[in-house]
Amino acid sequence: MATWYREGTVSVTNNSKTVTGSGSLWSSMVTGTVPMIKQGDVFTVDGDKWYEIDTIDSHTQITLKTVYLGSTASGSSYAIIRNFTNTTNADLANSLSAVLTKWHNREVDLINWLTGSGTITLTKTDSTTVSVKTPTQIQNEWIGKASKTLSNADVTLTTAEAGNAFLVLSGTLTANVNVIVPTAQSHVWFVLNNTTGSYSVTIKTSTGTGVVVDQGQRAAVFCDGTNVLSCSTNIVGSSATSTPTNAMLGSAAYADVASLVPNVFVGSSVTSAYTVSVNDWGRVIPVSGTVTVTIPDGATMAPGFNVTISNGGTGVVTLARSSTNTIDGQTSFLIGRGMNTSLFWTGTEWRTIKSAQFGFRDLTAELTVKGTTGSDPSFEAFRGGLYAYSFSPTVTQSVFMTFHVQHDYAPGTPIYFHTHWASNTPTTGGAVRWGFEYSIAKGHGQSDGYGEFVVQSPVYVSTTVTAQYRHMVSETTAITNSAIEPDSLILVRMFRDATAPEDTYTDKVFGFTADIHYQTDRYSTPNKSPTFYA
């Protein structure tokens, strides 16, 4: 009796006895059974030349009795005529017994895989083995939770504990603690640090580096086989915007896992000074109040590090630097109410992406005089047919202005008085001292202590004349006052303090206008009267 075998393809070489198979199963599938191909079987590629098989070396190699006389080829179809003439009943019985044993072993492997934990070693048809994760292990890696109580000693997770997706850490720390994970388990862990005490928790391998997870925070970390690293965007936060349901998690037994699923927010708003750290990578940090957020030295960060500051309060957030790095070329940066600013480290500087661009604007007003000879500057020719108010070098002369604070004013930020002026004489080198007496009151009849006009002490600024006809701007230092808000009025008397020793310029100067620099943080307020921001 004879039968054909054509499984897979072969590669043959002219004048060689070796035939190499691909996708073939030429040797015994199970130890003790009759081989698929035997010595004495007949091999052919083209159906024209036939060769007796001398030995079966493996599933994918046989040796012919004589050399192959055809052309060298690969991926070729072939045929083997199998000869069962010399097969004994004992051979067949042994083969049947071996096949039954093989299928029994496969059934045992399947049951162990379905009911076991961790990984199971299975035997493939070519007698090699492979390790396969069990369904229980796969489920744990998706929604499993392991809880550990920490104190003052490092904790090493077992393979089973580290096989869970969620790690919940609790306890009162009395020392810095490392949670050590196996290097062989290279997957993502979501870590919730519920510990207390002024110490740190680091997730790491036994010999590699790790990630510090701040107390009260959540982080997504993974092991690369050597070290534990933060995911490219940390998944952190203490209040998820969307809580998964049991149906989403697949089992009511894991319902408490829903409380562990994090998002990108830190959690409750930052209300005091805050310093950004490497663990803030990818976070959105909500800030409320007049707060300074300090940006770290970029040299400690990898290029691409990013964090978003969201100002949801009524104050202005100041971004300050802790090194010589600049922020968009500036030493500091203001984030107005309702603004979001994303910061990222380019490798050489901090850059921002802003939800809107708000900066400084000018409040302007007409210069007016009270009509009293001597204390009023005279209206004289400045140059050609252009006239302006001329301020004497020997007598203090004043002009008056009223400023109305606009609805784009950033609450809590300072204002700056400044005046534009010039000299029309060749005299240079002396300083002109300008003074600003002012009073500020809230509008709308408010009775909170800031609705009445109270005269403030004058502020002064001195500027040296550098050239004839040169446009000069003299600006005061920052002025803060709780009465400044939309619809406030600022009454100002601006004067040249000519009799003060600080005024050393000996000629008249011309004042053109005065205005106020102020910080904006919006296009307008939601309401036209208090409370403006509700």
Protein backbone atom coordinates (compact mmCIF):
# COMPACT_ATOMS: atom_id res chain seq x y z
CA MET A 1 0.00 0.00 0.00
CA ALA A 2 1.31 3.47 -0.85
CA THR A 3 0.07 7.03 -0.26
CA TRP A 4 1.25 10.53 -1.15
CA TYR A 5 2.67 13.25 1.13
CA ARG A 6 2.86 16.84 -0.24
CA GLU A 7 2.74 19.12 2.87
CA GLY A 8 4.68 22.44 2.53
CA THR A 9 7.41 23.24 -0.01
CA VAL A 10 11.07 22.26 -0.45
CA SER A 11 14.42 23.75 -1.39
CA VAL A 12 16.81 21.52 -3.39
CA THR A 13 20.37 22.05 -4.59
CA ASN A 14 21.88 20.50 -7.72
CA ASN A 15 24.38 17.73 -6.90
CA SER A 16 23.38 17.65 -3.19
CA LYS A 17 21.63 14.92 -1.24
CA THR A 18 20.07 17.36 1.29
CA VAL A 19 16.45 18.45 0.89
CA THR A 20 15.14 21.27 3.12
CA GLY A 21 11.42 21.57 3.84
CA SER A 22 9.21 24.51 4.82
CA GLY A 23 5.89 23.80 6.53
CA SER A 24 6.64 20.06 6.50
CA LEU A 25 6.32 17.43 9.27
CA TRP A 26 8.59 14.62 8.10
CA SER A 27 9.75 13.10 11.38
CA SER A 28 7.59 11.54 14.09
CA MET A 29 4.97 13.94 15.47
CA VAL A 30 5.08 12.19 18.84
CA THR A 31 7.92 10.14 20.30
CA GLY A 32 7.30 6.42 19.71
CA THR A 33 5.02 6.78 16.70
CA VAL A 34 5.63 5.78 13.11
CA PRO A 35 7.32 8.72 11.30
CA MET A 36 5.34 10.59 8.66
CA ILE A 37 8.16 9.75 6.19
CA LYS A 38 10.41 6.68 6.40
CA GLN A 39 13.64 5.42 4.89
CA GLY A 40 12.87 3.90 1.51
CA ASP A 41 10.07 6.32 0.62
CA VAL A 42 10.35 7.98 -2.80
CA PHE A 43 10.90 11.77 -3.34
CA THR A 44 10.30 13.80 -6.52
CA VAL A 45 10.02 17.46 -7.48
CA ASP A 46 9.18 17.30 -11.17
CA GLY A 47 7.58 13.85 -11.41
CA ASP A 48 10.30 12.93 -13.89
CA LYS A 49 13.26 12.08 -11.66
CA TRP A 50 12.69 9.94 -8.53
CA TYR A 51 14.97 9.56 -5.53
CA GLU A 52 14.98 7.09 -2.66
CA ILE A 53 15.00 8.68 0.83
CA ASP A 54 17.94 7.52 2.92
CA THR A 55 17.32 9.28 6.28
CA ILE A 56 14.72 11.52 7.90
CA ASP A 57 16.77 14.07 9.83
CA SER A 58 14.00 16.30 11.17
CA HIS A 59 10.59 17.70 10.34
CA THR A 60 12.28 19.93 7.76
CA GLN A 61 15.26 17.93 6.47
CA ILE A 62 15.72 14.61 4.68
CA THR A 63 18.75 13.05 2.99
CA LEU A 64 18.49 11.27 -0.37
CA LYS A 65 20.35 8.05 -1.31
CA THR A 66 21.76 9.79 -4.38
CA VAL A 67 22.44 13.40 -5.24
CA TYR A 68 19.72 15.57 -6.69
CA LEU A 69 20.26 16.00 -10.44
CA GLY A 70 17.72 18.75 -11.16
CA SER A 71 18.17 22.51 -11.07
CA THR A 72 18.65 24.32 -7.76
CA ALA A 73 15.29 25.71 -6.61
CA SER A 74 13.46 26.95 -3.49
CA GLY A 75 9.77 27.08 -2.50
CA SER A 76 9.03 24.23 -4.89
CA SER A 77 6.12 21.82 -4.74
CA TYR A 78 7.09 18.19 -4.23
CA ALA A 79 5.68 14.72 -3.59
CA ILE A 80 6.76 11.77 -1.46
CA ILE A 81 5.33 8.32 -2.08
CA ARG A 82 5.00 6.68 1.33
CA ASN A 83 5.42 2.92 1.46
CA PHE A 84 3.71 1.12 4.34
CA THR A 85 4.55 -2.40 3.09
CA ASN A 86 6.97 -3.09 5.94
CA THR A 87 4.88 -1.46 8.70
CA THR A 88 4.02 -4.04 11.39
CA ASN A 89 0.93 -4.23 13.57
CA ALA A 90 3.14 -3.42 16.52
CA ASP A 91 4.24 -0.21 14.78
CA LEU A 92 0.64 0.78 14.21
CA ALA A 93 -0.35 -0.03 17.80
CA ASN A 94 2.54 2.03 19.17
CA SER A 95 1.62 4.93 16.92
CA LEU A 96 -2.05 4.81 18.00
CA SER A 97 -1.07 4.69 21.66
CA ALA A 98 1.29 7.64 21.22
CA VAL A 99 -1.36 9.69 19.43
CA LEU A 100 -3.90 9.03 22.20
CA THR A 101 -1.29 10.02 24.78
CA LYS A 102 -0.56 13.20 22.83
CA TRP A 103 -4.22 14.24 22.74
CA HIS A 104 -4.66 13.42 26.41
CA ASN A 105 -1.70 15.65 27.26
CA ARG A 106 -3.16 18.43 25.13
CA GLU A 107 -6.47 18.11 26.99
CA VAL A 108 -4.62 18.39 30.31
CA ASP A 109 -2.73 21.46 29.03
CA LEU A 110 -6.01 23.08 27.93
CA ILE A 111 -7.69 22.49 31.30
CA ASN A 112 -4.65 23.81 33.16
CA TRP A 113 -4.59 26.89 30.93
CA LEU A 114 -8.30 27.60 31.44
CA THR A 115 -8.28 27.10 35.21
CA GLY A 116 -4.75 28.07 36.20
CA SER A 117 -3.04 31.38 36.96
CA GLY A 118 0.12 33.06 35.73
CA THR A 119 1.54 31.36 32.64
CA ILE A 120 1.29 27.76 31.41
CA THR A 121 3.87 25.91 29.30
CA LEU A 122 2.30 24.23 26.25
CA THR A 123 3.88 21.75 23.81
CA LYS A 124 3.54 22.56 20.13
CA THR A 125 3.16 20.00 17.33
CA ASP A 126 6.87 20.16 16.57
CA SER A 127 7.61 19.18 20.21
CA THR A 128 8.89 22.65 21.12
CA THR A 129 7.27 24.48 24.04
CA VAL A 130 5.78 27.95 24.51
CA SER A 131 4.65 29.87 27.63
CA VAL A 132 1.11 31.30 27.38
CA LYS A 133 -0.68 33.62 29.82
CA THR A 134 -3.84 32.15 31.32
CA PRO A 135 -7.20 33.93 31.02
CA THR A 136 -6.99 34.69 34.76
CA GLN A 137 -3.61 36.35 34.27
CA ILE A 138 -4.88 38.37 31.30
CA GLN A 139 -7.89 39.52 33.32
CA ASN A 140 -5.65 40.57 36.23
CA GLU A 141 -3.44 42.57 33.89
CA TRP A 142 -6.49 44.48 32.70
CA ILE A 143 -8.55 44.98 35.87
CA GLY A 144 -6.83 43.11 38.72
CA LYS A 145 -5.94 44.97 41.92
CA ALA A 146 -3.21 44.32 44.48
CA SER A 147 -3.12 46.22 47.79
CA LYS A 148 0.04 46.71 49.85
CA THR A 149 0.52 48.38 53.24
CA LEU A 150 3.82 50.25 53.53
CA SER A 151 5.74 51.47 56.55
CA ASN A 152 9.52 51.85 56.65
CA ALA A 153 10.87 48.90 54.64
CA ASP A 154 11.07 48.14 50.92
CA VAL A 155 8.41 45.78 49.60
CA THR A 156 9.02 43.27 46.81
CA LEU A 157 5.92 42.25 44.88
CA THR A 158 5.40 38.59 44.11
CA THR A 159 4.90 37.55 40.53
CA ALA A 160 1.17 37.17 41.22
CA GLU A 161 0.91 40.61 42.87
CA ALA A 162 2.85 42.29 40.08
CA GLY A 163 0.56 40.60 37.55
CA ASN A 164 -2.27 42.99 38.50
CA ALA A 165 -2.99 46.19 36.62
CA PHE A 166 -3.77 48.30 39.70
CA LEU A 167 -1.49 48.73 42.73
CA VAL A 168 -3.05 50.42 45.77
CA LEU A 169 -0.52 51.55 48.39
CA SER A 170 -1.52 52.56 51.91
CA GLY A 171 -0.03 52.91 55.39
CA THR A 172 1.85 55.55 57.40
CA LEU A 173 5.39 56.00 56.11
CA THR A 174 8.25 56.50 58.57
CA ALA A 175 10.94 56.25 55.89
CA ASN A 176 11.30 56.39 52.12
CA VAL A 177 10.04 53.10 50.64
CA ASN A 178 10.74 51.29 47.37
CA VAL A 179 8.09 49.00 45.87
CA ILE A 180 10.09 46.52 43.80
CA VAL A 181 8.51 44.86 40.77
CA PRO A 182 9.89 41.89 38.79
CA THR A 183 11.89 42.86 35.71
CA ALA A 184 10.32 40.01 33.75
CA GLN A 185 6.82 41.52 33.93
CA SER A 186 7.00 44.26 31.35
CA HIS A 187 3.54 45.77 31.42
CA VAL A 188 1.78 48.91 32.66
CA TRP A 189 0.75 49.42 36.29
CA PHE A 190 -1.68 52.05 37.51
CA VAL A 191 -0.43 53.05 40.96
CA LEU A 192 -2.49 54.85 43.62
CA ASN A 193 -0.41 56.21 46.52
CA ASN A 194 -2.74 56.50 49.52
CA THR A 195 0.10 56.56 52.08
CA THR A 196 0.61 59.30 54.66
CA GLY A 197 3.77 60.63 56.30
CA SER A 198 6.41 62.94 54.82
CA TYR A 199 8.27 60.29 52.85
CA SER A 200 8.36 59.10 49.26
CA VAL A 201 7.29 55.93 47.44
CA THR A 202 9.30 54.77 44.42
CA ILE A 203 8.18 52.03 42.03
CA LYS A 204 11.34 50.34 40.70
CA THR A 205 13.09 47.10 39.85
CA SER A 206 15.62 45.52 42.20
CA THR A 207 18.65 46.91 40.35
CA GLY A 208 17.23 49.56 38.01
CA THR A 209 15.80 53.03 38.38
CA GLY A 210 12.20 53.90 39.14
CA VAL A 211 9.42 56.50 39.35
CA VAL A 212 8.38 58.44 42.46
CA VAL A 213 4.59 58.48 42.90
CA ASP A 214 3.51 61.46 45.00
CA GLN A 215 1.22 60.93 47.96
CA GLY A 216 -2.42 61.25 47.05
CA GLN A 217 -1.58 60.93 43.37
CA ARG A 218 -1.92 58.28 40.67
CA ALA A 219 0.60 57.39 38.01
CA ALA A 220 0.88 55.01 35.08
CA VAL A 221 4.30 53.32 34.97
CA PHE A 222 5.83 50.44 33.07
CA CYS A 223 8.88 48.19 33.22
CA ASP A 224 11.11 47.98 30.15
CA GLY A 225 12.87 44.89 31.45
CA THR A 226 15.49 46.91 33.32
CA ASN A 227 13.95 50.07 34.79
CA VAL A 228 10.51 51.35 35.74
CA LEU A 229 9.56 54.41 33.66
CA SER A 230 6.70 56.88 33.50
CA CYS A 231 4.38 56.35 30.57
CA SER A 232 4.89 58.96 27.84
CA THR A 233 1.97 60.87 29.32
CA ASN A 234 1.42 60.29 33.03
CA ILE A 235 -2.12 59.29 33.85
CA VAL A 236 -2.66 61.02 37.17
CA GLY A 237 -5.37 62.59 39.24
CA SER A 238 -7.65 62.00 42.16
CA SER A 239 -11.06 62.61 40.63
CA ALA A 240 -11.88 60.92 37.34
CA THR A 241 -14.16 62.83 35.02
CA SER A 242 -15.86 59.60 34.02
CA THR A 243 -16.23 56.66 36.39
CA PRO A 244 -16.36 53.23 34.69
CA THR A 245 -19.34 51.02 35.43
CA ASN A 246 -19.25 47.36 36.50
CA ALA A 247 -20.43 46.44 33.01
CA MET A 248 -17.42 48.22 31.57
CA LEU A 249 -15.11 46.37 33.96
CA GLY A 250 -16.80 43.05 33.28
CA SER A 251 -17.29 41.90 36.87
CA ALA A 252 -18.95 43.26 39.99
CA ALA A 253 -16.06 41.71 41.95
CA TYR A 254 -13.84 44.47 40.54
CA ALA A 255 -16.30 47.32 41.12
CA ASP A 256 -13.87 49.12 43.44
CA VAL A 257 -11.36 49.28 40.59
CA ALA A 258 -13.56 52.03 39.11
CA SER A 259 -12.35 54.38 41.82
CA LEU A 260 -8.77 53.74 40.72
CA VAL A 261 -9.12 54.61 37.05
CA PRO A 262 -7.26 57.93 36.79
CA ASN A 263 -7.34 60.89 34.47
CA VAL A 264 -4.94 63.66 33.57
CA PHE A 265 -5.91 66.07 36.34
CA VAL A 266 -3.98 66.53 39.57
CA GLY A 267 -7.31 66.75 41.38
CA SER A 268 -8.44 69.63 43.61
CA SER A 269 -7.18 73.05 42.62
CA VAL A 270 -3.74 74.24 43.67
CA THR A 271 -4.28 77.28 45.91
CA SER A 272 -0.73 78.01 47.13
CA ALA A 273 2.78 78.14 45.70
CA TYR A 274 3.48 75.06 43.59
CA THR A 275 6.67 73.73 41.99
CA VAL A 276 6.35 71.58 38.85
CA SER A 277 8.24 68.27 39.04
CA VAL A 278 9.14 65.49 36.61
CA ASN A 279 6.06 63.60 37.83
CA ASP A 280 3.86 66.33 36.34
CA TRP A 281 4.66 65.20 32.80
CA GLY A 282 1.43 65.44 30.80
CA ARG A 283 -0.66 66.72 33.71
CA VAL A 284 -3.28 69.43 33.67
CA ILE A 285 -2.84 71.36 36.93
CA PRO A 286 -5.90 73.43 37.93
CA VAL A 287 -4.96 76.56 39.89
CA SER A 288 -7.21 78.90 41.87
CA GLY A 289 -6.20 82.20 43.42
CA THR A 290 -3.19 84.47 43.05
CA VAL A 291 -0.53 81.77 42.94
CA THR A 292 3.05 81.42 41.75
CA VAL A 293 3.86 78.20 39.87
CA THR A 294 7.61 77.62 39.62
CA ILE A 295 9.00 75.89 36.54
CA PRO A 296 12.04 73.63 37.14
CA ASP A 297 15.40 73.80 35.42
CA GLY A 298 14.83 72.36 31.95
CA ALA A 299 18.16 70.54 32.17
CA THR A 300 16.47 68.10 34.57
CA MET A 301 13.73 67.32 32.02
CA ALA A 302 13.70 65.35 28.81
CA PRO A 303 12.89 67.30 25.63
CA GLY A 304 9.14 67.13 25.08
CA PHE A 305 8.25 67.37 28.79
CA ASN A 306 4.92 69.17 28.95
CA VAL A 307 2.45 70.36 31.55
CA THR A 308 -0.69 72.48 31.35
CA ILE A 309 -1.62 75.14 33.92
CA SER A 310 -5.34 75.95 34.04
CA ASN A 311 -6.34 79.13 35.88
CA GLY A 312 -9.91 78.60 37.04
CA GLY A 313 -9.81 81.14 39.85
CA THR A 314 -10.25 84.90 40.15
CA GLY A 315 -6.56 85.77 40.51
CA VAL A 316 -3.58 85.81 38.19
CA VAL A 317 -1.15 82.88 38.11
CA THR A 318 2.51 83.78 37.75
CA LEU A 319 4.83 81.30 36.06
CA ALA A 320 8.27 81.78 37.54
CA ARG A 321 11.54 80.10 36.65
CA SER A 322 13.93 78.37 39.06
CA SER A 323 16.95 78.68 36.78
CA THR A 324 18.23 80.79 33.90
CA ASN A 325 15.79 79.16 31.46
CA THR A 326 13.39 81.62 29.83
CA ILE A 327 9.67 81.18 29.17
CA ASP A 328 8.97 82.38 25.62
CA GLY A 329 12.08 84.51 26.05
CA GLN A 330 10.74 86.06 29.29
CA THR A 331 11.85 85.61 32.90
CA SER A 332 8.24 85.16 34.06
CA PHE A 333 4.80 84.71 32.55
CA LEU A 334 1.26 85.61 33.65
CA ILE A 335 -1.78 83.37 33.18
CA GLY A 336 -5.01 85.33 33.47
CA ARG A 337 -8.36 84.19 34.81
CA GLY A 338 -9.94 81.52 32.62
CA MET A 339 -6.75 80.94 30.62
CA ASN A 340 -5.02 77.61 29.98
CA THR A 341 -1.33 77.60 29.17
CA SER A 342 0.60 74.52 28.09
CA LEU A 343 4.34 74.56 28.75
CA PHE A 344 6.82 72.31 27.00
CA TRP A 345 10.59 71.96 27.18
CA THR A 346 12.28 72.11 23.76
CA GLY A 347 15.65 70.99 25.10
CA THR A 348 16.94 74.57 25.25
CA GLU A 349 14.03 76.70 26.48
CA TRP A 350 10.47 76.65 27.82
CA ARG A 351 7.77 77.49 25.26
CA THR A 352 4.06 78.02 25.77
CA ILE A 353 0.85 77.27 23.91
CA LYS A 354 -1.90 79.56 25.19
CA SER A 355 -5.67 79.29 24.95
CA ALA A 356 -5.73 83.02 24.20
CA GLN A 357 -3.17 85.80 24.08
CA PHE A 358 -3.83 88.50 26.70
CA GLY A 359 -1.25 91.03 27.79
CA PHE A 360 -0.91 94.69 28.69
CA ARG A 361 -3.17 97.44 27.43
CA ASP A 362 -3.37 101.21 27.94
CA LEU A 363 -6.00 103.25 29.70
CA THR A 364 -5.83 106.71 28.13
CA ALA A 365 -7.29 110.06 29.17
CA GLU A 366 -7.23 113.73 28.12
CA LEU A 367 -4.89 116.11 29.90
CA THR A 368 -6.90 118.93 31.45
CA VAL A 369 -5.89 122.01 33.41
CA LYS A 370 -7.86 123.77 36.13
CA GLY A 371 -7.41 127.24 34.67
CA THR A 372 -5.29 128.78 37.41
CA THR A 373 -2.34 130.88 36.28
CA GLY A 374 0.97 129.63 37.62
CA SER A 375 -0.06 126.10 38.58
CA ASP A 376 -1.19 125.28 35.04
CA PRO A 377 1.35 124.42 32.33
CA SER A 378 1.13 126.82 29.41
CA PHE A 379 -0.04 125.69 25.99
CA GLU A 380 2.91 126.51 23.73
CA ALA A 381 4.41 125.68 20.34
CA PHE A 382 6.44 122.50 20.63
CA ARG A 383 7.75 122.24 17.09
CA GLY A 384 6.53 124.02 13.98
CA GLY A 385 2.77 124.39 14.22
CA LEU A 386 2.37 121.63 16.88
CA TYR A 387 1.36 122.73 20.39
CA ALA A 388 1.45 120.95 23.74
CA TYR A 389 1.49 121.70 27.45
CA SER A 390 4.85 123.14 28.59
CA PHE A 391 6.02 122.33 32.13
CA SER A 392 8.28 124.84 33.87
CA PRO A 393 11.70 123.88 35.35
CA THR A 394 11.12 126.11 38.40
CA VAL A 395 7.42 125.89 39.30
CA THR A 396 5.35 122.78 40.07
CA GLN A 397 2.61 122.62 37.44
CA SER A 398 -0.17 120.04 37.18
CA VAL A 399 -2.63 118.47 34.77
CA PHE A 400 -5.62 116.28 35.65
CA MET A 401 -7.07 113.03 34.25
CA THR A 402 -9.84 110.55 34.98
CA PHE A 403 -9.41 106.87 34.03
CA HIS A 404 -12.22 104.31 33.76
CA VAL A 405 -11.06 100.71 34.41
CA GLN A 406 -12.18 98.38 31.60
CA HIS A 407 -13.87 94.97 31.87
CA ASP A 408 -10.82 93.13 30.51
CA TYR A 409 -8.74 94.05 33.58
CA ALA A 410 -7.08 91.05 35.25
CA PRO A 411 -8.20 91.15 38.90
CA GLY A 412 -5.48 91.60 41.47
CA THR A 413 -2.81 92.74 39.03
CA PRO A 414 -0.88 95.99 39.45
CA ILE A 415 -1.21 99.11 37.32
CA TYR A 416 1.53 101.50 36.14
CA PHE A 417 1.19 105.26 35.58
CA HIS A 418 3.27 106.63 32.75
CA THR A 419 3.59 109.82 30.75
CA HIS A 420 4.83 110.64 27.26
CA TRP A 421 6.90 113.80 26.95
CA ALA A 422 9.86 115.50 25.22
CA SER A 423 12.15 118.52 25.37
CA ASN A 424 12.42 120.95 22.45
CA THR A 425 15.69 122.52 23.59
CA PRO A 426 19.22 121.23 22.97
CA THR A 427 19.91 120.94 26.70
CA THR A 428 20.46 117.31 27.76
CA GLY A 429 21.80 115.43 30.76
CA GLY A 430 19.43 116.47 33.54
CA ALA A 431 16.55 114.43 35.00
CA VAL A 432 12.86 115.35 34.96
CA ARG A 433 10.85 114.19 37.96
CA TRP A 434 7.18 113.40 37.41
CA GLY A 435 4.68 112.86 40.22
CA PHE A 436 1.28 111.16 40.24
CA GLU A 437 -1.23 111.87 43.02
CA TYR A 438 -4.26 109.62 42.71
CA SER A 439 -7.46 108.26 44.22
CA ILE A 440 -9.33 105.06 43.30
CA ALA A 441 -12.91 104.02 44.08
CA LYS A 442 -15.08 101.08 43.05
CA GLY A 443 -18.29 101.82 41.20
CA HIS A 444 -21.92 100.80 41.58
CA GLY A 445 -22.28 102.26 45.10
CA GLN A 446 -20.37 99.46 46.76
CA SER A 447 -19.94 99.71 50.53
CA ASP A 448 -17.11 97.25 51.14
CA GLY A 449 -14.63 99.94 52.16
CA TYR A 450 -13.35 100.57 48.63
CA GLY A 451 -16.28 102.51 47.19
CA GLU A 452 -15.10 105.93 48.47
CA PHE A 453 -12.36 108.09 46.93
CA VAL A 454 -9.33 108.24 49.21
CA VAL A 455 -6.32 110.29 48.16
CA GLN A 456 -3.14 108.21 48.02
CA SER A 457 0.42 109.38 48.53
CA PRO A 458 2.02 110.48 45.26
CA VAL A 459 4.36 108.15 43.37
CA TYR A 460 7.34 109.50 41.48
CA VAL A 461 9.56 108.61 38.56
CA SER A 462 12.66 110.42 37.25
CA THR A 463 14.00 110.15 33.70
CA THR A 464 17.07 111.76 32.13
CA VAL A 465 16.69 113.85 28.98
CA THR A 466 18.85 112.26 26.27
CA ALA A 467 18.16 114.31 23.12
CA GLN A 468 16.20 117.25 21.75
CA TYR A 469 12.70 116.27 20.52
CA ARG A 470 13.20 112.65 21.64
CA HIS A 471 9.99 110.90 22.69
CA MET A 472 10.45 109.97 26.36
CA VAL A 473 8.26 107.62 28.45
CA SER A 474 8.46 107.72 32.24
CA GLU A 475 6.68 104.89 34.08
CA THR A 476 6.16 104.40 37.81
CA THR A 477 6.71 101.19 39.71
CA ALA A 478 3.76 98.81 40.18
CA ILE A 479 0.72 100.12 42.06
CA THR A 480 -1.65 97.66 43.72
CA ASN A 481 -4.96 98.61 45.28
CA SER A 482 -7.97 96.53 46.29
CA ALA A 483 -10.29 99.15 44.82
CA ILE A 484 -9.19 98.38 41.26
CA GLU A 485 -11.81 96.41 39.35
CA PRO A 486 -13.96 96.93 36.23
CA ASP A 487 -15.83 100.24 36.38
CA SER A 488 -13.53 101.68 39.05
CA LEU A 489 -12.51 105.31 38.50
CA ILE A 490 -8.94 106.50 38.99
CA LEU A 491 -8.54 110.26 39.50
CA VAL A 492 -4.98 111.45 38.81
CA ARG A 493 -3.07 114.68 39.19
CA MET A 494 0.15 114.53 37.20
CA PHE A 495 2.76 117.18 37.87
CA ARG A 496 6.37 118.01 37.17
CA ASP A 497 8.01 118.10 40.61
CA ALA A 498 10.27 120.94 39.49
CA THR A 499 11.24 122.15 42.98
CA ALA A 500 12.41 118.71 44.15
CA PRO A 501 16.20 118.13 44.23
CA GLU A 502 15.67 115.03 42.05
CA ASP A 503 14.50 117.28 39.17
CA THR A 504 17.83 118.47 37.71
CA TYR A 505 16.81 119.41 34.18
CA THR A 506 17.04 123.17 33.75
CA ASP A 507 14.67 123.68 30.80
CA LYS A 508 10.99 123.29 30.19
CA VAL A 509 9.58 120.00 28.85
CA PHE A 510 6.35 119.24 26.99
CA GLY A 511 3.83 116.72 28.28
CA PHE A 512 1.72 115.11 25.56
CA THR A 513 -0.38 112.52 27.32
CA ALA A 514 -0.49 110.18 30.31
CA ASP A 515 -1.95 106.69 30.54
CA ILE A 516 -2.05 103.55 32.63
CA HIS A 517 -0.58 100.20 31.71
CA TYR A 518 -2.75 97.34 32.99
CA GLN A 519 -2.85 93.57 32.62
CA THR A 520 -5.76 91.91 30.80
CA ASP A 521 -6.96 88.32 31.15
CA ARG A 522 -10.13 88.23 29.06
CA TYR A 523 -12.12 90.07 26.42
CA SER A 524 -14.77 91.17 28.92
CA THR A 525 -16.56 90.12 32.11
CA PRO A 526 -19.72 87.98 31.98
CA ASN A 527 -21.65 90.63 33.91
CA LYS A 528 -21.72 94.43 33.54
CA SER A 529 -21.91 95.03 37.30
CA PRO A 530 -20.76 93.25 40.49
CA THR A 531 -20.32 90.40 40.81
CA PHE A 532 -18.55 90.80 37.44
CA TYR A 533 -17.21 87.22 37.24
CA ALA A 534 -20.12 85.13 38.54
